[in-house]
Amino acid sequence: MSIGRKQRWIVLIILLGLTLSAAAWVSQEDEAAEPVRAARPVPVQNVAPPARDKTEAATDLKLNKLQRETKDEVTADLFEAKSWYVPPPPPKLLPPPPPSAPPLPFVYMGKLIEDGQLTVFLTKQELNYVVKAGDTLDGMYKVEEVTPRMMTLVYLPLNIKQTLMIGGE
């Protein structure tokens, strides 16, 4: 069942008429519900008498009341950026660590026991050293003690003792 074009227009016009009449009816009910109140006259105080000409009216005005008062207070910025970030406390400055000797640059190559005296063979990069107790190496290390298991070297700039393992008996 299909509605023709003419019938559709007739239905739309009827619906439009019903809508307009309903709107008029509702507006008439609203007007009838609210009673009309009479306006009361408002007493006028401090009214200046009418002036004779414009120059007299200007002298009656208190012009200092027209100026805006200056405020000494600084107004707050309503759009100021706010952050919840709390900076971390400053780091505690620790004292510098005590100076230490560099690692030993020597590599153990072997040892020789001859007439009860121990001789140790060391190498540093391409240099070979034959050392006994009491010798000084490169002006930086002094051989303090040599035992069959280890030798003790003293780093002369800081007077720090270091040991180098040289094996067992």
Protein backbone atom coordinates (compact mmCIF):
# COMPACT_ATOMS: atom_id res chain seq x y z
CA MET A 1 0.00 0.00 0.00
CA SER A 2 1.75 3.08 -1.20
CA ILE A 3 0.74 6.67 -0.60
CA GLY A 4 0.72 8.96 -3.61
CA ARG A 5 2.45 12.27 -3.83
CA LYS A 6 -0.75 14.31 -3.40
CA GLN A 7 -1.85 12.30 -0.38
CA ARG A 8 1.55 12.72 1.27
CA TRP A 9 1.35 16.54 0.87
CA ILE A 10 -2.17 16.58 2.31
CA VAL A 11 -1.05 14.59 5.37
CA LEU A 12 1.94 16.93 5.91
CA ILE A 13 -0.26 20.06 5.69
CA ILE A 14 -2.74 18.60 8.19
CA LEU A 15 0.11 17.74 10.61
CA LEU A 16 1.52 21.27 10.24
CA GLY A 17 -1.86 22.79 11.04
CA LEU A 18 -2.26 20.59 14.12
CA THR A 19 1.21 21.60 15.33
CA LEU A 20 0.51 25.31 14.94
CA SER A 21 -2.86 25.09 16.68
CA ALA A 22 -1.31 23.13 19.60
CA ALA A 23 1.42 25.79 20.00
CA ALA A 24 -1.19 28.58 20.03
CA TRP A 25 -3.28 26.71 22.59
CA VAL A 26 -0.31 26.19 24.94
CA SER A 27 0.73 29.87 24.73
CA GLN A 28 -2.84 30.94 25.61
CA GLU A 29 -2.80 28.69 28.72
CA ASP A 30 0.51 30.20 29.90
CA GLU A 31 -0.84 33.74 29.61
CA ALA A 32 -4.01 32.85 31.51
CA ALA A 33 -2.10 31.11 34.33
CA GLU A 34 0.02 34.15 35.30
CA PRO A 35 -1.89 37.15 36.64
CA VAL A 36 -0.80 40.56 35.50
CA ARG A 37 0.72 42.61 38.30
CA ALA A 38 0.54 46.36 38.41
CA ALA A 39 3.83 48.17 38.50
CA ARG A 40 4.46 50.22 41.64
CA PRO A 41 6.00 53.61 41.36
CA VAL A 42 9.55 53.73 42.69
CA PRO A 43 10.30 56.76 44.87
CA VAL A 44 13.09 58.84 43.43
CA GLN A 45 15.59 60.25 45.87
CA ASN A 46 18.38 62.79 45.51
CA VAL A 47 17.09 64.08 42.23
CA ALA A 48 18.65 67.38 41.22
CA PRO A 49 16.18 70.07 40.25
CA PRO A 50 15.99 70.66 36.55
CA ALA A 51 18.65 73.06 35.38
CA ARG A 52 17.96 76.10 33.32
CA ASP A 53 20.71 75.48 30.80
CA LYS A 54 23.44 72.92 30.12
CA THR A 55 26.26 74.85 31.84
CA GLU A 56 24.40 74.93 35.16
CA ALA A 57 23.76 71.15 34.94
CA ALA A 58 27.47 70.49 34.39
CA THR A 59 28.42 72.42 37.53
CA ASP A 60 26.01 70.39 39.66
CA LEU A 61 27.67 67.08 38.73
CA LYS A 62 30.33 65.72 41.05
CA LEU A 63 32.95 64.71 38.56
CA ASN A 64 35.29 63.16 41.15
CA LYS A 65 32.77 60.34 41.61
CA LEU A 66 33.20 59.39 37.98
CA GLN A 67 36.86 58.53 38.39
CA ARG A 68 37.79 54.95 39.12
CA GLU A 69 39.60 54.28 42.37
CA THR A 70 43.13 52.95 42.04
CA LYS A 71 43.97 49.82 43.96
CA ASP A 72 47.34 49.30 45.54
CA GLU A 73 46.89 45.55 45.57
CA VAL A 74 48.26 43.44 42.76
CA THR A 75 45.53 41.34 41.27
CA ALA A 76 46.18 37.64 41.09
CA ASP A 77 46.77 36.06 37.73
CA LEU A 78 43.77 33.82 37.16
CA PHE A 79 45.50 31.83 34.44
CA GLU A 80 48.84 31.33 36.16
CA ALA A 81 50.42 27.98 35.38
CA LYS A 82 50.59 25.64 38.36
CA SER A 83 52.61 22.50 38.68
CA TRP A 84 52.70 19.65 41.17
CA TYR A 85 56.36 19.00 40.39
CA VAL A 86 58.56 19.07 43.47
CA PRO A 87 62.26 19.28 42.64
CA PRO A 88 64.40 16.59 44.22
CA PRO A 89 66.69 17.63 47.04
CA PRO A 90 70.19 18.62 46.00
CA PRO A 91 72.59 15.70 45.99
CA LYS A 92 74.86 15.31 48.98
CA LEU A 93 78.44 15.99 48.07
CA LEU A 94 80.55 13.06 49.11
CA PRO A 95 84.21 13.53 49.80
CA PRO A 96 86.41 12.33 46.97
CA PRO A 97 87.67 8.79 47.37
CA PRO A 98 91.18 8.44 48.68
CA PRO A 99 93.79 8.14 45.96
CA SER A 100 94.69 4.62 44.93
CA ALA A 101 97.52 3.09 42.99
CA PRO A 102 96.91 2.01 39.40
CA PRO A 103 96.84 -1.71 38.70
CA LEU A 104 100.23 -3.31 38.38
CA PRO A 105 101.49 -3.07 34.80
CA PHE A 106 103.82 -6.06 35.22
CA VAL A 107 103.19 -9.65 34.17
CA TYR A 108 104.98 -12.51 35.93
CA MET A 109 107.13 -14.60 33.56
CA GLY A 110 109.11 -16.82 35.93
CA LYS A 111 111.58 -17.00 38.84
CA LEU A 112 115.06 -18.31 39.58
CA ILE A 113 116.45 -19.38 42.94
CA GLU A 114 120.24 -19.09 42.85
CA ASP A 115 122.46 -19.34 45.95
CA GLY A 116 119.35 -18.91 48.17
CA GLN A 117 118.39 -15.59 46.55
CA LEU A 118 115.14 -15.36 44.61
CA THR A 119 115.19 -13.56 41.25
CA VAL A 120 111.88 -12.81 39.45
CA PHE A 121 111.40 -12.21 35.74
CA LEU A 122 108.71 -9.67 34.87
CA THR A 123 107.53 -8.07 31.64
CA LYS A 124 105.79 -4.79 30.91
CA GLN A 125 104.58 -4.39 27.33
CA GLU A 126 107.79 -5.21 25.37
CA LEU A 127 110.23 -4.59 28.24
CA ASN A 128 111.67 -7.44 30.33
CA TYR A 129 112.83 -6.96 33.94
CA VAL A 130 114.96 -9.15 36.19
CA VAL A 131 114.30 -8.02 39.77
CA LYS A 132 115.36 -8.84 43.32
CA ALA A 133 114.24 -7.42 46.67
CA GLY A 134 115.21 -3.73 46.98
CA ASP A 135 115.21 -2.92 43.20
CA THR A 136 113.32 0.05 41.75
CA LEU A 137 111.33 -0.31 38.51
CA ASP A 138 110.84 2.72 36.21
CA GLY A 139 111.23 5.05 39.21
CA MET A 140 107.62 4.27 40.17
CA TYR A 141 107.71 0.85 41.89
CA LYS A 142 110.09 -0.50 44.50
CA VAL A 143 110.37 -4.25 45.15
CA GLU A 144 110.00 -4.50 48.91
CA GLU A 145 109.85 -8.26 49.48
CA VAL A 146 110.06 -11.42 47.37
CA THR A 147 108.74 -14.78 48.68
CA PRO A 148 108.24 -18.01 46.76
CA ARG A 149 104.47 -17.31 46.47
CA MET A 150 104.27 -13.53 46.00
CA MET A 151 106.22 -10.35 45.75
CA THR A 152 105.34 -7.02 47.38
CA LEU A 153 105.79 -3.81 45.38
CA VAL A 154 105.40 -0.26 46.72
CA TYR A 155 103.90 2.40 44.43
CA LEU A 156 106.27 5.26 45.28
CA PRO A 157 104.13 8.38 44.45
CA LEU A 158 101.44 7.33 46.97
CA ASN A 159 103.46 4.90 49.11
CA ILE A 160 100.85 2.15 48.61
CA LYS A 161 101.77 -1.53 48.81
CA GLN A 162 100.63 -3.95 46.09
CA THR A 163 101.20 -7.68 45.73
CA LEU A 164 101.88 -9.77 42.65
CA MET A 165 101.32 -13.53 42.82
CA ILE A 166 104.29 -15.46 41.45
CA GLY A 167 103.17 -19.06 42.03
CA GLY A 168 104.09 -21.74 44.52
CA GLU A 169 107.39 -23.37 45.44
